[in-house]
Amino acid sequence: MRGRRTDPSDAAFLARAGASGMAMGSFVPDREIRELRDLTRRRTEIVRATGQEAQRLEKELEDTGMKFTSVLSDVVGASGRAILEALIAGERDCARLAGLACGKARNKIPALIEALDGEFTEHHAFMVRHYLDEIDRLKRLVAVFDARIASKLAEREHDLDNLDTIPGVGRLAAEVIIAETGGDMAQFASAQHLASWIGACPGHNESAGVNRSGRTRPGNSNIKRLLKTAAMAAIRDKNSYLAAFFRRISARTGGKQALVAVMHKLAIAIWHLLRSKAPYRDLGAEYFAKRDPERAMRRMTKEANSLGLTVRFEPITEG
């Protein structure tokens, strides 16, 4: 009889747990979660393959001398697709091709007319047709996986909705998180245990006050990659707690380690959300200033002094 599989990231975590003296049972997901992992991981591979086909399509278009990929951000979007289909059908008039743009892309028609000036041969038409068909096939396959994954997660809608409230984490990412962790935080004694299992803990190698390395430890590469993308998206909201936290850390350690610190925060949030069954609550960009107002005033004073200015703080009196 075949035994249950242990994910490499699970084994790595257990090895670290044993080395640190933690008494913890082996985290071996049940069959349902293992099947869900197979589905989400294969879907990720297919989505990645779809992007690769789109890149090959763009490279083929570069060979034509056309530069319309620099005008349209999405070559296989509605406008790009309409133009490519017309090119395959034999249309070569730049003005007519540019006129097929729709939505906001119509504002770029003059630029498109210039960008579509090139030599689109019969060979290019054959290859572009092939890439478009392959992209469509892969997208249909992704839809099949989406439906099967949704059916397996039908009873986890509440957890998925809560995870969706985390900055940078969308529906697909929430499904991956459930698939990789099992969604049951009883497997992890604390949020720090989950972060360690994921590998979202910055390394610590300091000697004589000098940080020699901030490299993260090995972990679950699927969630780690997902958290990196989510962290980069989360810090774009300048008025959020995570963006303020990123600025605070990056001022001391640099952007790379600060991004890992944000990933660590996201891992902790995932543990608490799945444990408490509650949505994410943003603390706001002013959280650190309100928590330590004296430090915030020192920082503002230092910045003002660097500009050759002085500041004076006075309490606001209610009128």
C-alpha atoms as a PDB file:
ATOM      1  CA  MET A   1       0.000   0.000   0.000  1.00  0.00           C
ATOM      2  CA  ARG A   2       1.404   3.386  -0.952  1.00  0.00           C
ATOM      3  CA  GLY A   3       2.082   5.842   1.847  1.00  0.00           C
ATOM      4  CA  ARG A   4       0.959   9.426   1.853  1.00  0.00           C
ATOM      5  CA  ARG A   5       3.264  11.911   0.184  1.00  0.00           C
ATOM      6  CA  THR A   6       5.102  14.546   2.207  1.00  0.00           C
ATOM      7  CA  ASP A   7       5.750  17.831   0.430  1.00  0.00           C
ATOM      8  CA  PRO A   8       9.456  18.863   0.371  1.00  0.00           C
ATOM      9  CA  SER A   9       8.583  22.090   2.180  1.00  0.00           C
ATOM     10  CA  ASP A  10       6.809  20.057   4.880  1.00  0.00           C
ATOM     11  CA  ALA A  11       9.911  17.890   5.302  1.00  0.00           C
ATOM     12  CA  ALA A  12      12.182  20.943   5.499  1.00  0.00           C
ATOM     13  CA  PHE A  13       9.986  22.487   8.170  1.00  0.00           C
ATOM     14  CA  LEU A  14       9.930  19.276  10.185  1.00  0.00           C
ATOM     15  CA  ALA A  15      13.711  19.003   9.989  1.00  0.00           C
ATOM     16  CA  ARG A  16      14.056  22.529  11.379  1.00  0.00           C
ATOM     17  CA  ALA A  17      11.472  21.756  14.042  1.00  0.00           C
ATOM     18  CA  GLY A  18      13.419  18.680  15.123  1.00  0.00           C
ATOM     19  CA  ALA A  19      16.688  20.602  15.182  1.00  0.00           C
ATOM     20  CA  SER A  20      15.168  23.267  17.433  1.00  0.00           C
ATOM     21  CA  GLY A  21      13.671  20.730  19.806  1.00  0.00           C
ATOM     22  CA  MET A  22      10.019  21.421  18.945  1.00  0.00           C
ATOM     23  CA  ALA A  23       7.708  18.495  19.562  1.00  0.00           C
ATOM     24  CA  MET A  24       5.512  18.520  16.494  1.00  0.00           C
ATOM     25  CA  GLY A  25       3.822  15.827  14.484  1.00  0.00           C
ATOM     26  CA  SER A  26       4.406  15.441  10.783  1.00  0.00           C
ATOM     27  CA  PHE A  27       2.276  17.772   8.671  1.00  0.00           C
ATOM     28  CA  VAL A  28       0.983  15.368   6.025  1.00  0.00           C
ATOM     29  CA  PRO A  29      -2.105  16.780   4.297  1.00  0.00           C
ATOM     30  CA  ASP A  30      -5.076  14.486   3.844  1.00  0.00           C
ATOM     31  CA  ARG A  31      -6.068  13.186   0.428  1.00  0.00           C
ATOM     32  CA  GLU A  32      -8.527  16.000  -0.262  1.00  0.00           C
ATOM     33  CA  ILE A  33      -5.886  18.678   0.306  1.00  0.00           C
ATOM     34  CA  ARG A  34      -3.273  16.750  -1.678  1.00  0.00           C
ATOM     35  CA  GLU A  35      -5.678  16.580  -4.614  1.00  0.00           C
ATOM     36  CA  LEU A  36      -6.392  20.305  -4.240  1.00  0.00           C
ATOM     37  CA  ARG A  37      -2.653  20.981  -4.262  1.00  0.00           C
ATOM     38  CA  ASP A  38      -2.298  19.014  -7.496  1.00  0.00           C
ATOM     39  CA  LEU A  39      -5.011  21.123  -9.088  1.00  0.00           C
ATOM     40  CA  THR A  40      -3.772  24.550  -7.974  1.00  0.00           C
ATOM     41  CA  ARG A  41      -0.147  23.758  -8.799  1.00  0.00           C
ATOM     42  CA  ARG A  42      -1.032  22.474 -12.249  1.00  0.00           C
ATOM     43  CA  ARG A  43      -3.210  25.540 -12.858  1.00  0.00           C
ATOM     44  CA  THR A  44      -0.278  27.766 -11.926  1.00  0.00           C
ATOM     45  CA  GLU A  45       1.885  25.915 -14.452  1.00  0.00           C
ATOM     46  CA  ILE A  46      -0.739  26.384 -17.167  1.00  0.00           C
ATOM     47  CA  VAL A  47      -1.132  30.087 -16.391  1.00  0.00           C
ATOM     48  CA  ARG A  48       2.639  30.458 -16.581  1.00  0.00           C
ATOM     49  CA  ALA A  49       2.643  28.610 -19.906  1.00  0.00           C
ATOM     50  CA  THR A  50      -0.029  31.002 -21.201  1.00  0.00           C
ATOM     51  CA  GLY A  51       2.223  33.934 -20.367  1.00  0.00           C
ATOM     52  CA  GLN A  52       5.126  32.264 -22.127  1.00  0.00           C
ATOM     53  CA  GLU A  53       3.048  31.817 -25.291  1.00  0.00           C
ATOM     54  CA  ALA A  54       2.121  35.514 -25.148  1.00  0.00           C
ATOM     55  CA  GLN A  55       5.829  36.370 -24.899  1.00  0.00           C
ATOM     56  CA  ARG A  56       6.572  34.197 -27.939  1.00  0.00           C
ATOM     57  CA  LEU A  57       3.797  36.010 -29.787  1.00  0.00           C
ATOM     58  CA  GLU A  58       5.331  39.376 -28.926  1.00  0.00           C
ATOM     59  CA  LYS A  59       8.730  38.166 -30.118  1.00  0.00           C
ATOM     60  CA  GLU A  60       7.193  37.058 -33.417  1.00  0.00           C
ATOM     61  CA  LEU A  61       5.631  40.489 -33.848  1.00  0.00           C
ATOM     62  CA  GLU A  62       8.996  42.147 -33.236  1.00  0.00           C
ATOM     63  CA  ASP A  63      10.274  40.311 -36.307  1.00  0.00           C
ATOM     64  CA  THR A  64       7.686  42.154 -38.417  1.00  0.00           C
ATOM     65  CA  GLY A  65       9.183  45.519 -37.509  1.00  0.00           C
ATOM     66  CA  MET A  66       5.892  46.613 -35.968  1.00  0.00           C
ATOM     67  CA  LYS A  67       6.082  48.369 -32.612  1.00  0.00           C
ATOM     68  CA  PHE A  68       2.440  48.267 -31.588  1.00  0.00           C
ATOM     69  CA  THR A  69       3.321  46.077 -28.600  1.00  0.00           C
ATOM     70  CA  SER A  70       4.915  49.206 -27.128  1.00  0.00           C
ATOM     71  CA  VAL A  71       1.615  51.061 -27.543  1.00  0.00           C
ATOM     72  CA  LEU A  72      -0.758  48.355 -26.327  1.00  0.00           C
ATOM     73  CA  SER A  73       0.129  46.899 -22.937  1.00  0.00           C
ATOM     74  CA  ASP A  74      -1.869  43.714 -23.593  1.00  0.00           C
ATOM     75  CA  VAL A  75      -1.222  42.239 -27.024  1.00  0.00           C
ATOM     76  CA  VAL A  76      -3.947  39.625 -26.636  1.00  0.00           C
ATOM     77  CA  GLY A  77      -6.479  42.026 -25.153  1.00  0.00           C
ATOM     78  CA  ALA A  78      -9.607  43.142 -27.027  1.00  0.00           C
ATOM     79  CA  SER A  79      -7.839  45.780 -29.156  1.00  0.00           C
ATOM     80  CA  GLY A  80      -4.709  43.736 -29.798  1.00  0.00           C
ATOM     81  CA  ARG A  81      -6.722  40.656 -30.675  1.00  0.00           C
ATOM     82  CA  ALA A  82      -8.882  42.545 -33.166  1.00  0.00           C
ATOM     83  CA  ILE A  83      -5.811  43.978 -34.882  1.00  0.00           C
ATOM     84  CA  LEU A  84      -4.035  40.613 -35.024  1.00  0.00           C
ATOM     85  CA  GLU A  85      -7.092  38.858 -36.447  1.00  0.00           C
ATOM     86  CA  ALA A  86      -7.320  41.535 -39.174  1.00  0.00           C
ATOM     87  CA  LEU A  87      -3.617  41.144 -39.968  1.00  0.00           C
ATOM     88  CA  ILE A  88      -4.029  37.374 -40.282  1.00  0.00           C
ATOM     89  CA  ALA A  89      -7.016  37.947 -42.595  1.00  0.00           C
ATOM     90  CA  GLY A  90      -4.854  40.076 -44.913  1.00  0.00           C
ATOM     91  CA  GLU A  91      -5.513  43.662 -43.844  1.00  0.00           C
ATOM     92  CA  ARG A  92      -2.398  45.829 -44.149  1.00  0.00           C
ATOM     93  CA  ASP A  93      -3.710  49.399 -44.064  1.00  0.00           C
ATOM     94  CA  CYS A  94      -2.336  50.933 -40.855  1.00  0.00           C
ATOM     95  CA  ALA A  95      -5.213  53.398 -40.443  1.00  0.00           C
ATOM     96  CA  ARG A  96      -7.853  50.681 -40.769  1.00  0.00           C
ATOM     97  CA  LEU A  97      -5.964  48.407 -38.381  1.00  0.00           C
ATOM     98  CA  ALA A  98      -5.591  51.174 -35.783  1.00  0.00           C
ATOM     99  CA  GLY A  99      -9.294  51.962 -36.148  1.00  0.00           C
ATOM    100  CA  LEU A 100     -10.084  48.510 -34.720  1.00  0.00           C
ATOM    101  CA  ALA A 101      -8.882  49.636 -31.292  1.00  0.00           C
ATOM    102  CA  CYS A 102     -11.612  49.787 -28.681  1.00  0.00           C
ATOM    103  CA  GLY A 103     -12.164  51.379 -25.296  1.00  0.00           C
ATOM    104  CA  LYS A 104      -9.367  53.549 -23.924  1.00  0.00           C
ATOM    105  CA  ALA A 105      -7.036  52.252 -26.633  1.00  0.00           C
ATOM    106  CA  ARG A 106      -8.839  54.482 -29.144  1.00  0.00           C
ATOM    107  CA  ASN A 107      -7.013  57.424 -27.584  1.00  0.00           C
ATOM    108  CA  LYS A 108      -3.816  55.827 -28.904  1.00  0.00           C
ATOM    109  CA  ILE A 109      -4.931  55.530 -32.542  1.00  0.00           C
ATOM    110  CA  PRO A 110      -2.386  58.075 -33.886  1.00  0.00           C
ATOM    111  CA  ALA A 111       0.439  56.230 -32.106  1.00  0.00           C
ATOM    112  CA  LEU A 112      -0.931  52.900 -33.327  1.00  0.00           C
ATOM    113  CA  ILE A 113      -0.900  54.013 -36.945  1.00  0.00           C
ATOM    114  CA  GLU A 114       2.823  54.692 -36.703  1.00  0.00           C
ATOM    115  CA  ALA A 115       3.507  51.565 -34.659  1.00  0.00           C
ATOM    116  CA  LEU A 116       1.763  49.280 -37.183  1.00  0.00           C
ATOM    117  CA  ASP A 117       4.120  50.250 -39.983  1.00  0.00           C
ATOM    118  CA  GLY A 118       6.017  47.038 -40.725  1.00  0.00           C
ATOM    119  CA  GLU A 119       6.167  43.920 -42.870  1.00  0.00           C
ATOM    120  CA  PHE A 120       3.655  41.261 -41.830  1.00  0.00           C
ATOM    121  CA  THR A 121       4.234  38.237 -44.065  1.00  0.00           C
ATOM    122  CA  GLU A 122       2.309  35.010 -44.641  1.00  0.00           C
ATOM    123  CA  HIS A 123       4.753  33.249 -42.338  1.00  0.00           C
ATOM    124  CA  HIS A 124       4.016  35.769 -39.578  1.00  0.00           C
ATOM    125  CA  ALA A 125       0.296  35.184 -40.101  1.00  0.00           C
ATOM    126  CA  PHE A 126       0.762  31.417 -39.678  1.00  0.00           C
ATOM    127  CA  MET A 127       2.844  31.761 -36.504  1.00  0.00           C
ATOM    128  CA  VAL A 128       0.584  34.404 -34.936  1.00  0.00           C
ATOM    129  CA  ARG A 129      -2.447  32.183 -35.643  1.00  0.00           C
ATOM    130  CA  HIS A 130      -0.660  29.308 -33.920  1.00  0.00           C
ATOM    131  CA  TYR A 131       0.198  31.351 -30.830  1.00  0.00           C
ATOM    132  CA  LEU A 132      -3.311  32.783 -30.524  1.00  0.00           C
ATOM    133  CA  ASP A 133      -4.866  29.314 -30.812  1.00  0.00           C
ATOM    134  CA  GLU A 134      -2.455  27.960 -28.202  1.00  0.00           C
ATOM    135  CA  ILE A 135      -3.256  30.816 -25.820  1.00  0.00           C
ATOM    136  CA  ASP A 136      -6.986  30.175 -26.279  1.00  0.00           C
ATOM    137  CA  ARG A 137      -6.499  26.453 -25.628  1.00  0.00           C
ATOM    138  CA  LEU A 138      -4.585  27.098 -22.433  1.00  0.00           C
ATOM    139  CA  LYS A 139      -7.167  29.619 -21.227  1.00  0.00           C
ATOM    140  CA  ARG A 140      -9.930  27.064 -21.749  1.00  0.00           C
ATOM    141  CA  LEU A 141      -7.878  24.574 -19.763  1.00  0.00           C
ATOM    142  CA  VAL A 142      -7.441  27.093 -16.940  1.00  0.00           C
ATOM    143  CA  ALA A 143     -11.223  27.563 -16.877  1.00  0.00           C
ATOM    144  CA  VAL A 144     -11.655  23.798 -16.454  1.00  0.00           C
ATOM    145  CA  PHE A 145      -9.261  23.785 -13.511  1.00  0.00           C
ATOM    146  CA  ASP A 146     -10.953  26.879 -12.040  1.00  0.00           C
ATOM    147  CA  ALA A 147     -14.293  25.083 -12.024  1.00  0.00           C
ATOM    148  CA  ARG A 148     -12.894  21.916 -10.434  1.00  0.00           C
ATOM    149  CA  ILE A 149     -11.000  23.861  -7.765  1.00  0.00           C
ATOM    150  CA  ALA A 150     -14.108  25.922  -6.982  1.00  0.00           C
ATOM    151  CA  SER A 151     -16.146  22.753  -6.518  1.00  0.00           C
ATOM    152  CA  LYS A 152     -13.601  21.362  -4.055  1.00  0.00           C
ATOM    153  CA  LEU A 153     -13.551  24.633  -2.113  1.00  0.00           C
ATOM    154  CA  ALA A 154     -17.318  25.146  -2.056  1.00  0.00           C
ATOM    155  CA  GLU A 155     -17.403  24.694   1.716  1.00  0.00           C
ATOM    156  CA  ARG A 156     -14.494  27.100   2.306  1.00  0.00           C
ATOM    157  CA  GLU A 157     -16.115  30.240   0.906  1.00  0.00           C
ATOM    158  CA  HIS A 158     -15.905  32.050   4.235  1.00  0.00           C
ATOM    159  CA  ASP A 159     -12.154  31.450   4.514  1.00  0.00           C
ATOM    160  CA  LEU A 160     -11.634  32.439   0.873  1.00  0.00           C
ATOM    161  CA  ASP A 161     -13.577  35.672   1.361  1.00  0.00           C
ATOM    162  CA  ASN A 162     -11.536  36.534   4.457  1.00  0.00           C
ATOM    163  CA  LEU A 163      -8.233  35.827   2.714  1.00  0.00           C
ATOM    164  CA  ASP A 164      -9.387  37.975  -0.194  1.00  0.00           C
ATOM    165  CA  THR A 165      -9.449  40.983   2.170  1.00  0.00           C
ATOM    166  CA  ILE A 166      -5.660  40.802   2.696  1.00  0.00           C
ATOM    167  CA  PRO A 167      -3.895  43.459   0.567  1.00  0.00           C
ATOM    168  CA  GLY A 168      -2.404  41.922  -2.564  1.00  0.00           C
ATOM    169  CA  VAL A 169      -4.211  38.597  -2.092  1.00  0.00           C
ATOM    170  CA  GLY A 170      -6.967  37.875  -4.601  1.00  0.00           C
ATOM    171  CA  ARG A 171      -9.302  34.955  -5.082  1.00  0.00           C
ATOM    172  CA  LEU A 172      -6.814  32.746  -6.938  1.00  0.00           C
ATOM    173  CA  ALA A 173      -4.115  33.417  -4.360  1.00  0.00           C
ATOM    174  CA  ALA A 174      -6.567  32.575  -1.571  1.00  0.00           C
ATOM    175  CA  GLU A 175      -7.266  29.223  -3.221  1.00  0.00           C
ATOM    176  CA  VAL A 176      -3.537  28.476  -3.377  1.00  0.00           C
ATOM    177  CA  ILE A 177      -3.132  29.379   0.306  1.00  0.00           C
ATOM    178  CA  ILE A 178      -5.905  26.962   1.314  1.00  0.00           C
ATOM    179  CA  ALA A 179      -4.442  24.248  -0.903  1.00  0.00           C
ATOM    180  CA  GLU A 180      -0.882  24.602   0.404  1.00  0.00           C
ATOM    181  CA  THR A 181      -1.623  25.069   4.114  1.00  0.00           C
ATOM    182  CA  GLY A 182      -4.741  22.911   4.285  1.00  0.00           C
ATOM    183  CA  GLY A 183      -6.582  25.892   5.749  1.00  0.00           C
ATOM    184  CA  ASP A 184      -6.338  24.363   9.230  1.00  0.00           C
ATOM    185  CA  MET A 185      -4.040  26.449  11.414  1.00  0.00           C
ATOM    186  CA  ALA A 186      -4.113  23.785  14.136  1.00  0.00           C
ATOM    187  CA  GLN A 187      -1.192  22.304  12.179  1.00  0.00           C
ATOM    188  CA  PHE A 188       0.898  25.353  13.147  1.00  0.00           C
ATOM    189  CA  ALA A 189       1.405  26.206  16.812  1.00  0.00           C
ATOM    190  CA  SER A 190       1.699  29.923  16.093  1.00  0.00           C
ATOM    191  CA  ALA A 191       1.828  32.452  13.293  1.00  0.00           C
ATOM    192  CA  GLN A 192       5.621  32.350  13.514  1.00  0.00           C
ATOM    193  CA  HIS A 193       5.551  28.594  12.852  1.00  0.00           C
ATOM    194  CA  LEU A 194       3.547  29.194   9.678  1.00  0.00           C
ATOM    195  CA  ALA A 195       5.937  31.939   8.538  1.00  0.00           C
ATOM    196  CA  SER A 196       8.879  29.602   9.154  1.00  0.00           C
ATOM    197  CA  TRP A 197       7.212  26.773   7.206  1.00  0.00           C
ATOM    198  CA  ILE A 198       6.590  29.126   4.289  1.00  0.00           C
ATOM    199  CA  GLY A 199      10.154  30.428   4.464  1.00  0.00           C
ATOM    200  CA  ALA A 200       9.042  34.038   4.879  1.00  0.00           C
ATOM    201  CA  CYS A 201      11.391  34.751   7.778  1.00  0.00           C
ATOM    202  CA  PRO A 202      14.364  36.999   6.958  1.00  0.00           C
ATOM    203  CA  GLY A 203      17.693  35.427   7.745  1.00  0.00           C
ATOM    204  CA  HIS A 204      19.749  36.871  10.596  1.00  0.00           C
ATOM    205  CA  ASN A 205      23.533  36.862  10.244  1.00  0.00           C
ATOM    206  CA  GLU A 206      24.938  39.807  12.158  1.00  0.00           C
ATOM    207  CA  SER A 207      28.444  40.277  13.462  1.00  0.00           C
ATOM    208  CA  ALA A 208      29.836  43.395  15.134  1.00  0.00           C
ATOM    209  CA  GLY A 209      26.769  45.330  14.138  1.00  0.00           C
ATOM    210  CA  VAL A 210      27.105  44.423  10.448  1.00  0.00           C
ATOM    211  CA  ASN A 211      24.309  42.500   8.704  1.00  0.00           C
ATOM    212  CA  ARG A 212      26.054  39.976   6.468  1.00  0.00           C
ATOM    213  CA  SER A 213      22.994  38.301   4.985  1.00  0.00           C
ATOM    214  CA  GLY A 214      19.227  38.629   5.021  1.00  0.00           C
ATOM    215  CA  ARG A 215      18.559  35.568   2.877  1.00  0.00           C
ATOM    216  CA  THR A 216      15.351  33.725   3.644  1.00  0.00           C
ATOM    217  CA  ARG A 217      15.377  30.066   4.623  1.00  0.00           C
ATOM    218  CA  PRO A 218      13.930  27.322   2.385  1.00  0.00           C
ATOM    219  CA  GLY A 219      10.200  26.744   2.665  1.00  0.00           C
ATOM    220  CA  ASN A 220       7.045  26.308   0.637  1.00  0.00           C
ATOM    221  CA  SER A 221       8.076  27.904  -2.656  1.00  0.00           C
ATOM    222  CA  ASN A 222       4.495  28.103  -3.936  1.00  0.00           C
ATOM    223  CA  ILE A 223       3.249  30.349  -1.130  1.00  0.00           C
ATOM    224  CA  LYS A 224       6.547  32.225  -0.871  1.00  0.00           C
ATOM    225  CA  ARG A 225       6.316  33.228  -4.534  1.00  0.00           C
ATOM    226  CA  LEU A 226       2.681  34.189  -4.018  1.00  0.00           C
ATOM    227  CA  LEU A 227       3.486  36.297  -0.923  1.00  0.00           C
ATOM    228  CA  LYS A 228       6.233  38.141  -2.781  1.00  0.00           C
ATOM    229  CA  THR A 229       3.774  39.168  -5.492  1.00  0.00           C
ATOM    230  CA  ALA A 230       1.170  40.092  -2.866  1.00  0.00           C
ATOM    231  CA  ALA A 231       3.712  42.160  -0.902  1.00  0.00           C
ATOM    232  CA  MET A 232       4.724  44.148  -3.985  1.00  0.00           C
ATOM    233  CA  ALA A 233       1.062  44.875  -4.688  1.00  0.00           C
ATOM    234  CA  ALA A 234       0.264  45.744  -1.055  1.00  0.00           C
ATOM    235  CA  ILE A 235       2.959  48.402  -0.661  1.00  0.00           C
ATOM    236  CA  ARG A 236       1.604  50.343  -3.642  1.00  0.00           C
ATOM    237  CA  ASP A 237      -1.216  51.636  -1.438  1.00  0.00           C
ATOM    238  CA  LYS A 238       0.659  54.475   0.267  1.00  0.00           C
ATOM    239  CA  ASN A 239      -2.075  54.939   2.873  1.00  0.00           C
ATOM    240  CA  SER A 240      -1.962  51.354   4.145  1.00  0.00           C
ATOM    241  CA  TYR A 241      -0.245  49.914   7.207  1.00  0.00           C
ATOM    242  CA  LEU A 242       1.905  47.589   5.105  1.00  0.00           C
ATOM    243  CA  ALA A 243       3.172  50.457   2.934  1.00  0.00           C
ATOM    244  CA  ALA A 244       4.095  52.448   6.050  1.00  0.00           C
ATOM    245  CA  PHE A 245       5.756  49.362   7.516  1.00  0.00           C
ATOM    246  CA  PHE A 246       7.739  48.844   4.292  1.00  0.00           C
ATOM    247  CA  ARG A 247       8.972  52.463   4.302  1.00  0.00           C
ATOM    248  CA  ARG A 248       9.925  52.173   7.954  1.00  0.00           C
ATOM    249  CA  ILE A 249      11.984  48.995   7.446  1.00  0.00           C
ATOM    250  CA  SER A 250      13.514  49.925   4.083  1.00  0.00           C
ATOM    251  CA  ALA A 251      14.966  53.103   5.604  1.00  0.00           C
ATOM    252  CA  ARG A 252      17.112  50.878   7.845  1.00  0.00           C
ATOM    253  CA  THR A 253      17.763  47.697   5.885  1.00  0.00           C
ATOM    254  CA  GLY A 254      16.973  48.405   2.241  1.00  0.00           C
ATOM    255  CA  GLY A 255      14.122  47.445  -0.067  1.00  0.00           C
ATOM    256  CA  LYS A 256      14.823  43.703  -0.432  1.00  0.00           C
ATOM    257  CA  GLN A 257      14.815  42.919   3.280  1.00  0.00           C
ATOM    258  CA  ALA A 258      11.874  45.255   3.803  1.00  0.00           C
ATOM    259  CA  LEU A 259       9.896  43.295   1.197  1.00  0.00           C
ATOM    260  CA  VAL A 260      10.654  40.046   3.031  1.00  0.00           C
ATOM    261  CA  ALA A 261       9.463  41.708   6.238  1.00  0.00           C
ATOM    262  CA  VAL A 262       6.166  42.560   4.512  1.00  0.00           C
ATOM    263  CA  MET A 263       5.893  38.944   3.329  1.00  0.00           C
ATOM    264  CA  HIS A 264       6.369  37.901   6.954  1.00  0.00           C
ATOM    265  CA  LYS A 265       3.538  40.231   8.003  1.00  0.00           C
ATOM    266  CA  LEU A 266       1.289  38.712   5.351  1.00  0.00           C
ATOM    267  CA  ALA A 267       2.083  35.187   6.565  1.00  0.00           C
ATOM    268  CA  ILE A 268       1.160  36.214  10.103  1.00  0.00           C
ATOM    269  CA  ALA A 269      -2.079  37.775   8.837  1.00  0.00           C
ATOM    270  CA  ILE A 270      -2.959  34.539   7.015  1.00  0.00           C
ATOM    271  CA  TRP A 271      -2.523  32.516  10.218  1.00  0.00           C
ATOM    272  CA  HIS A 272      -4.709  34.873  12.267  1.00  0.00           C
ATOM    273  CA  LEU A 273      -7.424  35.122   9.609  1.00  0.00           C
ATOM    274  CA  LEU A 274      -7.708  31.373   9.176  1.00  0.00           C
ATOM    275  CA  ARG A 275      -7.544  30.883  12.946  1.00  0.00           C
ATOM    276  CA  SER A 276     -10.107  33.536  13.926  1.00  0.00           C
ATOM    277  CA  LYS A 277     -12.307  33.239  10.817  1.00  0.00           C
ATOM    278  CA  ALA A 278     -12.344  37.049  10.612  1.00  0.00           C
ATOM    279  CA  PRO A 279     -11.477  39.450   7.755  1.00  0.00           C
ATOM    280  CA  TYR A 280      -8.295  41.510   7.557  1.00  0.00           C
ATOM    281  CA  ARG A 281      -8.325  44.869   9.342  1.00  0.00           C
ATOM    282  CA  ASP A 282      -5.852  47.484   8.119  1.00  0.00           C
ATOM    283  CA  LEU A 283      -4.230  49.488  10.913  1.00  0.00           C
ATOM    284  CA  GLY A 284      -3.645  52.474   8.627  1.00  0.00           C
ATOM    285  CA  ALA A 285      -0.538  54.410   7.591  1.00  0.00           C
ATOM    286  CA  GLU A 286      -0.637  56.492  10.795  1.00  0.00           C
ATOM    287  CA  TYR A 287      -0.362  53.462  13.073  1.00  0.00           C
ATOM    288  CA  PHE A 288       3.336  53.856  13.848  1.00  0.00           C
ATOM    289  CA  ALA A 289       3.091  57.617  14.409  1.00  0.00           C
ATOM    290  CA  LYS A 290       0.207  57.138  16.845  1.00  0.00           C
ATOM    291  CA  ARG A 291       1.967  54.275  18.626  1.00  0.00           C
ATOM    292  CA  ASP A 292       5.172  56.239  19.164  1.00  0.00           C
ATOM    293  CA  PRO A 293       4.484  59.973  18.615  1.00  0.00           C
ATOM    294  CA  GLU A 294       7.849  61.063  20.077  1.00  0.00           C
ATOM    295  CA  ARG A 295       9.734  58.996  17.529  1.00  0.00           C
ATOM    296  CA  ALA A 296       7.564  60.401  14.743  1.00  0.00           C
ATOM    297  CA  MET A 297       8.338  63.946  15.907  1.00  0.00           C
ATOM    298  CA  ARG A 298      12.066  63.199  16.022  1.00  0.00           C
ATOM    299  CA  ARG A 299      11.916  61.867  12.484  1.00  0.00           C
ATOM    300  CA  MET A 300      10.041  64.919  11.205  1.00  0.00           C
ATOM    301  CA  THR A 301      12.464  67.225  12.999  1.00  0.00           C
ATOM    302  CA  LYS A 302      15.436  65.423  11.469  1.00  0.00           C
ATOM    303  CA  GLU A 303      13.942  65.667   7.973  1.00  0.00           C
ATOM    304  CA  ALA A 304      13.191  69.365   8.450  1.00  0.00           C
ATOM    305  CA  ASN A 305      16.731  70.020   9.708  1.00  0.00           C
ATOM    306  CA  SER A 306      18.188  68.264   6.652  1.00  0.00           C
ATOM    307  CA  LEU A 307      16.343  70.870   4.566  1.00  0.00           C
ATOM    308  CA  GLY A 308      17.693  73.723   6.684  1.00  0.00           C
ATOM    309  CA  LEU A 309      14.395  74.241   8.496  1.00  0.00           C
ATOM    310  CA  THR A 310      13.214  74.066  12.072  1.00  0.00           C
ATOM    311  CA  VAL A 311       9.854  72.858  13.325  1.00  0.00           C
ATOM    312  CA  ARG A 312       7.899  73.464  16.492  1.00  0.00           C
ATOM    313  CA  PHE A 313       5.190  71.161  17.744  1.00  0.00           C
ATOM    314  CA  GLU A 314       2.244  72.578  19.624  1.00  0.00           C
ATOM    315  CA  PRO A 315      -0.933  70.784  20.697  1.00  0.00           C
ATOM    316  CA  ILE A 316      -4.092  71.658  18.795  1.00  0.00           C
ATOM    317  CA  THR A 317      -6.542  73.450  21.038  1.00  0.00           C
ATOM    318  CA  GLU A 318     -10.192  72.772  20.534  1.00  0.00           C
ATOM    319  CA  GLY A 319     -12.085  75.895  19.480  1.00  0.00           C
END
